[in-house]
Amino acid sequence: MIKLFKYCIIILFLYSCDNLINHDPNVKKSSTGICHKKGSQYYKQTKKFKSYGTIKDCLNSGGRLPL
């Protein structure tokens, strides 16, 4: 029973670390393909996204800038 508890704690820890890494990326590409830089108008509102380190990486992946 203690081993199971330890495994659960480890899994929860690893899952939470992954969320910290992707929680606040520099650039978010929305599900509609729009690249939002940190600090832009819709950055915080974008919930379904793929993370990118730079706007250039996002654009190279097929994304576009907001109108």
N, C-alpha and C. Protein backbone atom coordinates (compact mmCIF):
# COMPACT_ATOMS: atom_id res chain seq x y z
N MET A 1 0.82 -1.19 0.00
CA MET A 1 0.00 0.00 0.00
C MET A 1 0.88 1.27 0.00
N ILE A 2 1.96 1.22 0.73
CA ILE A 2 2.86 2.38 0.79
C ILE A 2 3.52 2.61 -0.57
N LYS A 3 3.87 1.51 -1.29
CA LYS A 3 4.46 1.65 -2.61
C LYS A 3 3.49 2.34 -3.57
N LEU A 4 2.24 1.97 -3.49
CA LEU A 4 1.23 2.58 -4.35
C LEU A 4 1.10 4.07 -4.06
N PHE A 5 1.13 4.42 -2.80
CA PHE A 5 1.07 5.83 -2.39
C PHE A 5 2.28 6.59 -2.94
N LYS A 6 3.47 6.01 -2.84
CA LYS A 6 4.69 6.66 -3.35
C LYS A 6 4.59 6.86 -4.86
N TYR A 7 4.11 5.86 -5.58
CA TYR A 7 3.98 5.99 -7.03
C TYR A 7 2.99 7.09 -7.40
N CYS A 8 1.91 7.19 -6.67
CA CYS A 8 0.92 8.24 -6.93
C CYS A 8 1.52 9.62 -6.70
N ILE A 9 2.28 9.77 -5.64
CA ILE A 9 2.93 11.05 -5.34
C ILE A 9 3.91 11.41 -6.46
N ILE A 10 4.69 10.45 -6.91
CA ILE A 10 5.66 10.71 -7.98
C ILE A 10 4.95 11.11 -9.26
N ILE A 11 3.90 10.42 -9.61
CA ILE A 11 3.15 10.74 -10.84
C ILE A 11 2.54 12.13 -10.74
N LEU A 12 1.95 12.46 -9.61
CA LEU A 12 1.38 13.80 -9.43
C LEU A 12 2.44 14.89 -9.51
N PHE A 13 3.61 14.62 -8.94
CA PHE A 13 4.71 15.58 -8.99
C PHE A 13 5.15 15.81 -10.43
N LEU A 14 5.34 14.74 -11.19
CA LEU A 14 5.77 14.87 -12.58
C LEU A 14 4.72 15.58 -13.42
N TYR A 15 3.46 15.30 -13.19
CA TYR A 15 2.38 15.95 -13.92
C TYR A 15 2.35 17.45 -13.61
N SER A 16 2.54 17.80 -12.36
CA SER A 16 2.51 19.22 -11.99
C SER A 16 3.71 19.96 -12.57
N CYS A 17 4.86 19.33 -12.65
CA CYS A 17 6.04 19.97 -13.25
C CYS A 17 5.80 20.24 -14.73
N ASP A 18 5.16 19.32 -15.42
CA ASP A 18 4.86 19.50 -16.84
C ASP A 18 3.92 20.68 -17.04
N ASN A 19 2.96 20.85 -16.17
CA ASN A 19 2.04 21.97 -16.27
C ASN A 19 2.74 23.30 -16.03
N LEU A 20 3.72 23.33 -15.15
CA LEU A 20 4.46 24.56 -14.90
C LEU A 20 5.25 24.99 -16.12
N ILE A 21 5.80 24.04 -16.83
CA ILE A 21 6.60 24.35 -18.00
C ILE A 21 5.73 24.94 -19.10
N ASN A 22 4.57 24.37 -19.36
CA ASN A 22 3.72 24.80 -20.46
C ASN A 22 2.66 25.81 -20.05
N HIS A 23 2.63 26.19 -18.81
CA HIS A 23 1.56 27.05 -18.33
C HIS A 23 1.67 28.48 -18.84
N ASP A 24 2.87 28.96 -19.01
CA ASP A 24 3.07 30.35 -19.40
C ASP A 24 4.13 30.47 -20.50
N PRO A 25 3.82 29.94 -21.70
CA PRO A 25 4.81 29.98 -22.78
C PRO A 25 4.98 31.40 -23.34
N ASN A 26 6.07 31.61 -24.07
CA ASN A 26 6.30 32.91 -24.70
C ASN A 26 5.29 33.20 -25.79
N VAL A 27 4.92 32.16 -26.55
CA VAL A 27 3.98 32.32 -27.66
C VAL A 27 2.99 31.17 -27.62
N LYS A 28 1.71 31.48 -27.83
CA LYS A 28 0.65 30.48 -27.90
C LYS A 28 0.07 30.50 -29.31
N LYS A 29 -0.03 29.31 -29.93
CA LYS A 29 -0.75 29.22 -31.21
C LYS A 29 -2.11 28.63 -30.90
N SER A 30 -3.15 29.40 -31.14
CA SER A 30 -4.50 28.98 -30.81
C SER A 30 -4.96 27.86 -31.74
N SER A 31 -6.07 27.25 -31.41
CA SER A 31 -6.63 26.17 -32.22
C SER A 31 -7.04 26.68 -33.61
N THR A 32 -7.18 28.00 -33.77
CA THR A 32 -7.51 28.57 -35.07
C THR A 32 -6.25 28.98 -35.84
N GLY A 33 -5.06 28.74 -35.26
CA GLY A 33 -3.80 28.98 -35.95
C GLY A 33 -3.24 30.39 -35.81
N ILE A 34 -3.72 31.13 -34.82
CA ILE A 34 -3.23 32.49 -34.61
C ILE A 34 -2.17 32.48 -33.51
N CYS A 35 -1.03 33.13 -33.78
CA CYS A 35 0.08 33.19 -32.84
C CYS A 35 -0.07 34.42 -31.95
N HIS A 36 -0.10 34.19 -30.64
CA HIS A 36 -0.26 35.28 -29.67
C HIS A 36 0.99 35.37 -28.81
N LYS A 37 1.70 36.51 -28.86
CA LYS A 37 2.87 36.74 -28.02
C LYS A 37 2.43 37.08 -26.61
N LYS A 38 3.29 36.77 -25.64
CA LYS A 38 3.03 37.13 -24.25
C LYS A 38 2.85 38.64 -24.17
N GLY A 39 1.78 39.07 -23.52
CA GLY A 39 1.49 40.49 -23.39
C GLY A 39 0.56 41.03 -24.46
N SER A 40 0.25 40.23 -25.47
CA SER A 40 -0.66 40.72 -26.51
C SER A 40 -2.11 40.66 -26.03
N GLN A 41 -3.00 41.22 -26.82
CA GLN A 41 -4.38 41.42 -26.40
C GLN A 41 -5.10 40.12 -26.00
N TYR A 42 -4.95 39.06 -26.77
CA TYR A 42 -5.70 37.83 -26.52
C TYR A 42 -4.86 36.71 -25.92
N TYR A 43 -3.65 37.01 -25.50
CA TYR A 43 -2.76 35.97 -24.96
C TYR A 43 -3.41 35.25 -23.77
N LYS A 44 -3.87 36.00 -22.78
CA LYS A 44 -4.43 35.39 -21.57
C LYS A 44 -5.75 34.68 -21.83
N GLN A 45 -6.49 35.09 -22.85
CA GLN A 45 -7.76 34.48 -23.15
C GLN A 45 -7.62 33.17 -23.91
N THR A 46 -6.47 32.94 -24.51
CA THR A 46 -6.24 31.74 -25.31
C THR A 46 -6.01 30.55 -24.38
N LYS A 47 -6.95 29.60 -24.39
CA LYS A 47 -6.89 28.46 -23.49
C LYS A 47 -6.44 27.19 -24.20
N LYS A 48 -6.88 26.95 -25.44
CA LYS A 48 -6.46 25.78 -26.21
C LYS A 48 -5.36 26.23 -27.15
N PHE A 49 -4.13 25.78 -26.88
CA PHE A 49 -3.01 26.28 -27.66
C PHE A 49 -1.87 25.27 -27.69
N LYS A 50 -0.94 25.53 -28.60
CA LYS A 50 0.33 24.83 -28.64
C LYS A 50 1.40 25.85 -28.29
N SER A 51 2.36 25.47 -27.47
CA SER A 51 3.39 26.39 -26.98
C SER A 51 4.55 26.50 -27.96
N TYR A 52 5.10 27.71 -28.04
CA TYR A 52 6.30 27.97 -28.84
C TYR A 52 7.21 28.92 -28.07
N GLY A 53 8.50 28.81 -28.32
CA GLY A 53 9.47 29.67 -27.65
C GLY A 53 9.54 31.05 -28.26
N THR A 54 9.35 31.14 -29.58
CA THR A 54 9.43 32.42 -30.26
C THR A 54 8.27 32.56 -31.25
N ILE A 55 7.98 33.80 -31.61
CA ILE A 55 6.93 34.05 -32.59
C ILE A 55 7.34 33.48 -33.95
N LYS A 56 8.64 33.51 -34.25
CA LYS A 56 9.13 32.97 -35.51
C LYS A 56 8.85 31.47 -35.61
N ASP A 57 9.07 30.73 -34.51
CA ASP A 57 8.78 29.30 -34.49
C ASP A 57 7.30 29.04 -34.74
N CYS A 58 6.46 29.86 -34.13
CA CYS A 58 5.01 29.71 -34.29
C CYS A 58 4.61 29.97 -35.75
N LEU A 59 5.14 31.02 -36.33
CA LEU A 59 4.82 31.35 -37.72
C LEU A 59 5.34 30.28 -38.67
N ASN A 60 6.52 29.73 -38.41
CA ASN A 60 7.09 28.68 -39.24
C ASN A 60 6.28 27.39 -39.18
N SER A 61 5.52 27.20 -38.11
CA SER A 61 4.70 26.00 -37.96
C SER A 61 3.37 26.11 -38.70
N GLY A 62 3.16 27.24 -39.36
CA GLY A 62 1.91 27.42 -40.10
C GLY A 62 0.97 28.41 -39.45
N GLY A 63 1.37 29.00 -38.35
CA GLY A 63 0.53 29.99 -37.68
C GLY A 63 0.58 31.33 -38.39
N ARG A 64 -0.29 32.23 -37.94
CA ARG A 64 -0.31 33.58 -38.52
C ARG A 64 -0.46 34.60 -37.39
N LEU A 65 -0.13 35.84 -37.70
CA LEU A 65 -0.30 36.91 -36.73
C LEU A 65 -1.75 37.33 -36.66
N PRO A 66 -2.20 37.89 -35.52
CA PRO A 66 -3.57 38.40 -35.45
C PRO A 66 -3.76 39.58 -36.40
N LEU A 67 -4.99 39.78 -36.82
CA LEU A 67 -5.27 40.90 -37.74
C LEU A 67 -5.23 42.22 -37.05
